[in-house]
Protein backbone atom coordinates (compact mmCIF):
# COMPACT_ATOMS: atom_id res chain seq x y z
CA UNK A 1 77.73 88.57 116.25
CA UNK A 2 76.59 84.97 117.22
CA UNK A 3 80.17 84.06 116.88
CA UNK A 4 81.47 86.68 119.06
CA UNK A 5 78.66 85.37 121.28
CA UNK A 6 79.54 81.98 121.43
CA UNK A 7 82.99 82.83 121.80
CA UNK A 8 82.37 84.48 125.34
CA UNK A 9 80.12 81.70 126.95
CA UNK A 10 83.28 79.18 125.91
CA UNK A 11 85.33 81.84 127.21
CA UNK A 12 83.47 82.32 130.77
CA UNK A 13 82.34 78.55 131.29
CA UNK A 14 85.38 77.18 129.86
CA UNK A 15 83.00 74.38 128.10
CA UNK A 16 81.64 74.53 124.20
CA UNK A 17 78.31 74.37 124.36
CA UNK A 18 76.41 71.32 122.18
CA UNK A 19 73.84 72.84 120.44
CA UNK A 20 75.37 75.82 119.23
CA UNK A 21 78.09 73.85 118.09
CA UNK A 22 74.69 72.36 115.93
CA UNK A 23 74.05 75.53 114.80
CA UNK A 24 71.25 76.43 117.29
CA UNK A 25 70.66 79.46 118.81
CA UNK A 26 70.80 78.41 122.85
CA UNK A 27 69.16 80.14 125.57
CA UNK A 28 68.86 79.22 129.15
CA UNK A 29 68.72 77.33 131.63
CA UNK A 30 65.75 78.91 132.87
CA UNK A 31 63.14 77.94 135.77
CA UNK A 32 60.24 75.89 134.14
CA UNK A 33 57.50 76.74 136.60
CA UNK A 34 58.29 80.72 136.45
CA UNK A 35 55.76 81.15 134.04
CA UNK A 36 56.11 85.04 133.86
CA UNK A 37 59.40 84.65 132.63
CA UNK A 38 58.97 82.10 130.66
CA UNK A 39 56.03 83.75 128.54
CA UNK A 40 58.21 86.64 127.98
CA UNK A 41 61.15 84.90 126.94
CA UNK A 42 59.02 82.76 124.54
CA UNK A 43 57.40 86.16 123.04
CA UNK A 44 61.17 87.36 122.75
CA UNK A 45 62.91 84.67 120.91
CA UNK A 46 60.08 84.63 118.56
CA UNK A 47 61.13 86.52 116.27
CA UNK A 48 64.69 85.43 116.44
CA UNK A 49 65.27 83.82 113.22
CA UNK A 50 66.76 80.40 113.05
CA UNK A 51 66.47 77.62 114.84
CA UNK A 52 66.06 78.05 118.31
CA UNK A 53 66.74 75.90 121.89
CA UNK A 54 65.22 77.32 125.33
CA UNK A 55 66.79 74.96 127.70
CA UNK A 56 64.26 74.73 130.78
CA UNK A 57 64.84 73.31 134.25
CA UNK A 58 61.74 71.49 136.30
CA UNK A 59 61.18 69.69 138.86
CA UNK A 60 58.75 66.90 138.57
CA UNK A 61 55.49 66.97 140.79
CA UNK A 62 56.64 70.32 141.40
CA UNK A 63 53.59 72.00 143.50
CA UNK A 64 52.87 69.15 146.21
CA UNK A 65 55.89 67.97 148.16
CA UNK A 66 55.12 64.66 148.67
CA UNK A 67 54.91 64.16 144.39
CA UNK A 68 58.50 65.89 144.41
CA UNK A 69 59.48 63.87 146.72
CA UNK A 70 58.65 60.84 145.67
CA UNK A 71 58.55 61.58 141.83
CA UNK A 72 58.53 57.72 140.23
CA UNK A 73 55.23 56.42 142.87
CA UNK A 74 53.81 59.79 141.98
CA UNK A 75 53.40 59.14 138.45
CA UNK A 76 50.46 57.68 138.46
CA UNK A 77 48.82 57.22 141.75
CA UNK A 78 45.41 56.88 141.38
CA UNK A 79 43.45 58.32 144.08
CA UNK A 80 45.45 60.16 147.00
CA UNK A 81 44.66 62.09 149.94
CA UNK A 82 45.34 66.10 149.06
CA UNK A 83 46.65 66.55 152.45
CA UNK A 84 48.37 63.84 153.27
CA UNK A 85 49.61 62.56 150.01
CA UNK A 86 48.08 58.92 150.86
CA UNK A 87 47.14 56.33 148.10
CA UNK A 88 43.97 55.62 148.37
CA UNK A 89 44.04 51.65 148.98
CA UNK A 90 40.66 49.85 149.25
CA UNK A 91 39.82 46.86 150.93
CA UNK A 92 38.52 45.50 147.70
CA UNK A 93 41.84 46.57 145.75
CA UNK A 94 43.81 44.54 148.15
CA UNK A 95 41.98 41.18 147.54
CA UNK A 96 42.18 42.26 143.48
CA UNK A 97 44.27 39.78 141.35
CA UNK A 98 47.99 41.17 140.94
CA UNK A 99 48.58 43.24 137.55
CA UNK A 100 49.88 41.91 134.47
CA UNK A 101 52.76 43.87 134.77
CA UNK A 102 53.79 42.29 138.24
CA UNK A 103 53.05 38.79 137.17
CA UNK A 104 55.96 39.40 134.20
CA UNK A 105 58.17 40.95 136.78
CA UNK A 106 58.22 38.10 139.33
CA UNK A 107 57.92 35.31 136.78
CA UNK A 108 61.22 36.87 134.81
CA UNK A 109 63.23 37.01 138.70
CA UNK A 110 61.69 33.06 139.25
CA UNK A 111 63.53 32.53 135.51
CA UNK A 112 66.62 33.87 136.13
CA UNK A 113 66.80 31.79 139.27
CA UNK A 114 67.24 28.89 137.09
CA UNK A 115 68.99 29.99 133.59
CA UNK A 116 71.60 32.41 134.16
CA UNK A 117 70.94 33.47 130.56
CA UNK A 118 68.28 35.49 130.79
CA UNK A 119 69.24 39.06 130.71
CA UNK A 120 66.52 42.29 130.92
CA UNK A 121 66.49 44.97 128.62
CA UNK A 122 63.97 48.24 129.02
CA UNK A 123 64.29 51.28 128.14
CA UNK A 124 63.20 53.91 131.10
CA UNK A 125 60.63 51.50 132.17
CA UNK A 126 62.12 49.52 135.16
CA UNK A 127 59.23 50.07 137.56
CA UNK A 128 56.36 50.19 135.24
CA UNK A 129 57.03 46.87 133.56
CA UNK A 130 58.51 45.64 137.11
CA UNK A 131 61.87 45.14 135.76
CA UNK A 132 62.82 46.95 139.23
CA UNK A 133 62.26 43.49 140.89
CA UNK A 134 65.16 42.12 138.18
CA UNK A 135 67.06 44.87 138.83
CA UNK A 136 67.22 44.22 142.83
CA UNK A 137 67.99 40.33 142.53
CA UNK A 138 70.14 41.04 139.47
CA UNK A 139 71.50 44.23 138.82
CA UNK A 140 74.23 43.05 136.59
CA UNK A 141 71.68 41.49 134.22
CA UNK A 142 69.25 44.11 134.12
CA UNK A 143 69.84 46.69 131.36
CA UNK A 144 67.73 50.39 131.66
CA UNK A 145 68.87 51.92 128.44
CA UNK A 146 67.41 55.01 129.21
CA UNK A 147 64.12 56.25 126.49
CA UNK A 148 66.08 54.88 123.68
CA UNK A 149 63.44 52.18 122.22
CA UNK A 150 65.32 51.10 119.17
CA UNK A 151 69.08 50.63 121.26
CA UNK A 152 67.33 48.62 123.35
CA UNK A 153 65.92 46.44 120.36
CA UNK A 154 69.68 46.40 118.92
CA UNK A 155 71.06 45.94 121.95
CA UNK A 156 69.21 42.95 122.27
CA UNK A 157 70.20 41.61 119.20
CA UNK A 158 73.35 41.78 120.15
CA UNK A 159 73.14 40.45 123.59
CA UNK A 160 71.49 37.29 121.62
CA UNK A 161 74.16 36.27 118.97
CA UNK A 162 76.36 35.82 122.19
CA UNK A 163 73.96 33.50 123.36
CA UNK A 164 71.83 35.01 126.05
CA UNK A 165 68.40 35.31 125.75
CA UNK A 166 66.87 38.49 126.36
CA UNK A 167 63.66 39.73 127.10
CA UNK A 168 63.04 43.66 126.39
CA UNK A 169 60.46 44.74 128.02
CA UNK A 170 59.10 48.13 125.84
CA UNK A 171 55.07 49.28 126.40
CA UNK A 172 53.30 48.61 122.81
CA UNK A 173 52.41 51.61 121.93
CA UNK A 174 56.63 52.51 122.36
CA UNK A 175 57.26 49.62 120.21
CA UNK A 176 56.40 51.65 117.42
CA UNK A 177 59.50 53.63 117.22
CA UNK A 178 61.84 50.61 117.09
CA UNK A 179 60.15 49.22 114.24
CA UNK A 180 62.93 49.37 111.35
CA UNK A 181 65.75 47.27 114.32
CA UNK A 182 62.51 44.60 114.78
CA UNK A 183 63.02 43.73 111.17
CA UNK A 184 66.87 44.83 110.26
CA UNK A 185 68.30 44.17 113.48
CA UNK A 186 66.13 40.81 115.01
CA UNK A 187 63.69 39.04 112.78
CA UNK A 188 66.18 39.19 109.34
CA UNK A 189 68.49 37.64 111.61
CA UNK A 190 66.35 35.44 113.30
CA UNK A 191 67.66 35.68 116.62
CA UNK A 192 65.64 34.63 119.67
CA UNK A 193 64.89 37.93 121.09
CA UNK A 194 61.79 38.02 123.58
CA UNK A 195 59.60 41.19 122.76
CA UNK A 196 57.51 41.17 125.98
CA UNK A 197 55.30 44.22 125.16
CA UNK A 198 53.27 45.31 127.75
CA UNK A 199 50.06 47.33 127.82
CA UNK A 200 48.91 45.50 124.44
CA UNK A 201 45.55 47.05 124.28
CA UNK A 202 43.35 49.68 125.57
CA UNK A 203 45.15 51.70 128.06
CA UNK A 204 42.75 54.19 129.00
CA UNK A 205 43.07 57.57 130.73
CA UNK A 206 46.79 58.13 129.17
CA UNK A 207 44.48 58.43 125.72
CA UNK A 208 45.02 58.13 121.89
CA UNK A 209 49.06 58.03 121.79
CA UNK A 210 49.30 55.49 124.47
CA UNK A 211 46.83 52.69 123.39
CA UNK A 212 48.41 50.13 122.29
CA UNK A 213 46.12 48.51 120.07
CA UNK A 214 48.64 48.32 116.23
CA UNK A 215 51.19 45.82 117.54
CA UNK A 216 49.02 42.88 116.35
CA UNK A 217 49.46 44.40 112.89
CA UNK A 218 52.26 45.81 112.55
CA UNK A 219 54.10 42.68 113.79
CA UNK A 220 51.64 40.03 111.93
CA UNK A 221 53.44 41.51 108.46
CA UNK A 222 57.25 40.46 110.05
CA UNK A 223 58.67 36.95 108.50
CA UNK A 224 60.26 34.62 111.13
CA UNK A 225 58.38 35.76 114.28
CA UNK A 226 55.76 34.18 116.61
CA UNK A 227 52.98 36.44 118.26
CA UNK A 228 51.50 35.33 121.44
CA UNK A 229 49.01 36.79 124.20
CA UNK A 230 47.78 35.39 127.06
CA UNK A 231 44.21 34.84 128.72
CA UNK A 232 45.44 34.72 131.92
CA UNK A 233 48.37 35.20 134.39
CA UNK A 234 48.99 31.66 133.99
CA UNK A 235 49.62 31.65 130.32
CA UNK A 236 51.79 34.82 130.58
CA UNK A 237 54.38 33.06 133.05
CA UNK A 238 53.71 29.83 131.05
CA UNK A 239 54.44 31.65 127.71
CA UNK A 240 57.38 33.42 129.59
CA UNK A 241 59.10 29.76 130.52
CA UNK A 242 58.36 28.39 126.74
CA UNK A 243 60.29 31.51 125.29
CA UNK A 244 63.85 30.81 127.44
CA UNK A 245 63.12 27.09 126.82
CA UNK A 246 65.46 27.75 123.43
CA UNK A 247 63.28 29.73 120.12
CA UNK A 248 65.39 29.65 116.68
CA UNK A 249 63.36 33.30 115.83
CA UNK A 250 61.99 36.12 117.98
CA UNK A 251 58.59 36.08 119.99
CA UNK A 252 56.11 38.84 120.81
CA UNK A 253 54.31 38.12 124.29
CA UNK A 254 51.67 41.67 124.45
CA UNK A 255 49.76 41.45 127.61
CA UNK A 256 47.23 44.30 128.65
CA UNK A 257 47.96 46.74 131.02
CA UNK A 258 46.08 46.35 135.01
CA UNK A 259 45.00 43.55 136.63
CA UNK A 260 44.33 39.88 136.01
CA UNK A 261 41.96 37.80 136.73
CA UNK A 262 43.44 34.95 139.32
CA UNK A 263 44.58 35.36 143.11
CA UNK A 264 46.71 31.75 142.67
CA UNK A 265 48.81 32.33 140.03
CA UNK A 266 51.61 30.98 141.24
CA UNK A 267 51.49 27.76 139.97
CA UNK A 268 54.58 25.25 138.38
CA UNK A 269 55.53 25.53 134.83
CA UNK A 270 54.07 24.29 131.52
CA UNK A 271 55.56 24.08 128.48
CA UNK A 272 53.42 25.25 125.41
CA UNK A 273 53.52 23.66 122.33
CA UNK A 274 54.24 27.43 119.90
CA UNK A 275 51.00 27.90 117.68
CA UNK A 276 48.27 26.23 119.44
CA UNK A 277 45.26 27.06 121.03
CA UNK A 278 42.90 25.56 123.19
CA UNK A 279 38.68 25.26 123.42
CA UNK A 280 37.40 27.01 126.46
CA UNK A 281 33.71 25.92 125.76
CA UNK A 282 31.38 23.97 123.38
CA UNK A 283 28.13 24.65 121.63
CA UNK A 284 26.32 24.52 118.55
CA UNK A 285 25.46 28.01 117.55
CA UNK A 286 29.28 29.33 116.18
CA UNK A 287 32.34 29.52 116.83
CA UNK A 288 34.37 32.70 118.60
CA UNK A 289 38.08 32.62 118.47
CA UNK A 290 39.60 35.10 120.95
CA UNK A 291 43.05 36.10 120.75
CA UNK A 292 44.50 37.67 124.56
CA UNK A 293 42.89 38.47 127.78
CA UNK A 294 40.21 40.14 125.74
CA UNK A 295 39.61 36.40 125.92
CA UNK A 296 38.03 36.74 129.68
CA UNK A 297 35.46 39.21 128.47
CA UNK A 298 33.88 36.20 125.83
CA UNK A 299 34.20 33.91 128.85
CA UNK A 300 31.78 36.07 131.21
CA UNK A 301 29.79 37.16 127.90
CA UNK A 302 28.84 33.04 127.59
CA UNK A 303 28.26 32.62 130.70
CA UNK A 304 25.67 35.76 130.56
CA UNK A 305 24.23 33.73 127.82
CA UNK A 306 24.09 30.01 128.64
CA UNK A 307 21.90 31.78 131.36
CA UNK A 308 19.33 32.93 127.79
CA UNK A 309 19.82 29.62 126.61
CA UNK A 310 22.76 30.42 123.81
CA UNK A 311 25.61 28.13 123.84
CA UNK A 312 28.44 28.60 121.45
CA UNK A 313 32.37 27.07 120.90
CA UNK A 314 34.84 29.18 122.02
CA UNK A 315 38.64 29.06 121.21
CA UNK A 316 41.50 31.07 123.20
CA UNK A 317 43.95 30.76 120.37
CA UNK A 318 47.09 31.77 122.50
CA UNK A 319 49.05 32.47 119.12
CA UNK A 320 48.44 34.71 116.64
CA UNK A 321 51.04 33.60 114.34
CA UNK A 322 51.76 30.91 113.44
CA UNK A 323 48.29 30.33 113.74
CA UNK A 324 46.74 27.11 115.15
CA UNK A 325 45.50 25.47 111.76
CA UNK A 326 43.91 22.06 113.28
CA UNK A 327 41.80 24.55 115.19
CA UNK A 328 40.78 26.55 112.32
CA UNK A 329 39.93 23.35 109.85
CA UNK A 330 37.74 22.07 112.84
CA UNK A 331 35.72 25.37 112.90
CA UNK A 332 35.15 25.79 109.43
CA UNK A 333 34.14 22.62 109.08
CA UNK A 334 31.72 22.54 111.57
CA UNK A 335 30.55 26.24 111.70
CA UNK A 336 28.96 29.50 109.05
CA UNK A 337 29.22 31.99 111.42
CA UNK A 338 32.59 32.48 113.31
CA UNK A 339 33.37 35.94 115.41
CA UNK A 340 37.17 36.47 116.07
CA UNK A 341 38.00 39.28 118.78
CA UNK A 342 40.75 40.66 119.54
CA UNK A 343 41.73 44.21 121.62
CA UNK A 344 44.07 45.25 118.92
CA UNK A 345 43.07 47.08 115.59
CA UNK A 346 40.31 45.06 113.07
CA UNK A 347 42.68 45.63 110.30
CA UNK A 348 45.50 43.24 109.63
CA UNK A 349 45.41 41.93 113.01
CA UNK A 350 44.19 38.82 114.20
CA UNK A 351 41.46 38.29 112.92
CA UNK A 352 42.93 39.22 109.39
CA UNK A 353 44.94 36.66 109.55
CA UNK A 354 41.64 34.31 109.82
CA UNK A 355 40.26 35.87 107.07
CA UNK A 356 43.24 35.17 104.62
CA UNK A 357 43.23 31.69 105.39
CA UNK A 358 39.51 31.49 104.92
CA UNK A 359 40.09 32.91 101.60
CA UNK A 360 43.64 30.53 100.97
CA UNK A 361 42.12 27.40 101.31
CA UNK A 362 38.54 27.67 99.72
CA UNK A 363 35.69 27.85 102.26
CA UNK A 364 33.12 28.95 100.78
CA UNK A 365 29.83 31.04 102.26
CA UNK A 366 31.76 31.75 105.29
CA UNK A 367 30.21 34.43 107.74
CA UNK A 368 33.36 36.25 109.40
CA UNK A 369 32.65 39.16 111.75
CA UNK A 370 35.97 40.65 113.32
CA UNK A 371 35.65 42.17 116.11
CA UNK A 372 38.07 44.44 117.86
CA UNK A 373 39.10 47.93 117.69
CA UNK A 374 37.61 50.08 115.14
CA UNK A 375 39.87 52.12 112.10
CA UNK A 376 40.29 55.24 114.24
CA UNK A 377 42.26 56.21 117.17
CA UNK A 378 40.82 55.72 120.57
CA UNK A 379 40.18 59.32 122.77
CA UNK A 380 41.13 59.29 126.55
CA UNK A 381 38.78 56.91 128.84
CA UNK A 382 38.49 54.53 131.38
CA UNK A 383 39.01 51.22 130.33
CA UNK A 384 35.17 49.94 131.27
CA UNK A 385 33.89 52.96 129.01
CA UNK A 386 36.60 52.84 125.68
CA UNK A 387 35.59 48.28 125.80
CA UNK A 388 32.01 49.39 125.85
CA UNK A 389 33.15 52.45 123.16
CA UNK A 390 34.64 49.37 121.35
CA UNK A 391 32.18 47.06 121.34
CA UNK A 392 34.16 44.42 123.52
CA UNK A 393 32.98 44.91 126.81
CA UNK A 394 31.12 42.17 128.56
CA UNK A 395 28.01 43.29 126.95
CA UNK A 396 29.16 44.64 123.88
CA UNK A 397 29.80 40.74 122.93
CA UNK A 398 27.22 38.87 124.43
CA UNK A 399 24.85 41.50 122.07
CA UNK A 400 26.68 41.33 119.12
CA UNK A 401 26.53 37.48 119.12
CA UNK A 402 22.82 37.47 119.66
CA UNK A 403 22.90 39.50 116.46
CA UNK A 404 25.14 37.43 114.62
CA UNK A 405 22.86 34.02 115.16
CA UNK A 406 19.78 35.80 114.07
CA UNK A 407 21.26 36.83 110.83
């Protein structure tokens, strides 16, 4: 009966059905917004044996005309007027520093103007990663490969073999889908693909599935790869500038969701020496080694503690791989108490790499505290709430430092 059914459909529509040719029972297409009909169909087909596929046609933003008309804009609009659809932007927001994704997008366009070998690849996140700016300026050098992270990575590898400099932009949590390709198609061949991991760290309201907290750990164990994270917008620009100067291995640049901290960020480029950190502040109580934008919270915590008469040494390490061993040796010779902090899982990340170095080099009687994302899935909440929950907001860092000093 099913074969006869398939034959009739082919005769009527004059084309075969992909799903039924694979052995699926195909139903549809149906109106995905008709809840009553969907409920009846789902109730009926659950009694049919074998694999089934129900094809529903839906409209993004259905029910709110503005969202139907401007689907990308209303994917994550924040607060808006439900009557007019106007998105609320307060005077304070207008004066805020730019989002890291916008700094990335504008910087890549700036670099691409002077380096014709730069190409951009993204898996269906042109607007979300601000590569729409690159698409407008260089449409033939910007590739949206659809929701196919594995293909984005392998395609980038192929471009690198032909002398191009691929900036492959993927959200941190989605890069997990392409882990095999990162190892086999890129790292194993030491191809200079620049992986730009947007939303590295906590992402807030998108919840546990989107928290980009595993990338440092899952990249750390891959040989022949560079892992960097900027403290601020200028760092991000300079890391991108350095990456396109000529690498002999892949590089990961991971940066957070949301706004940066600088209004005056479009400064001349400066090349960064791979695997080097910088000293931010000096003190004699303990040393704090930060990796990435979370270091800005350490800076604010230092100001808070300075008012209480507490000063500590703070290094922005910039690279989790390779580590700046010169800084580590200086710190470990001078201090017995060291704190590492990252907006990533505490298992297997930057702090773990520092711990490994301490053990390998035989430094004894060192108290190391690794701060970051606890060993559990972090659920939904805004960024302020989640950083406080993980103890890596300004108050959490300051309180931890005071407690650690007293031990």
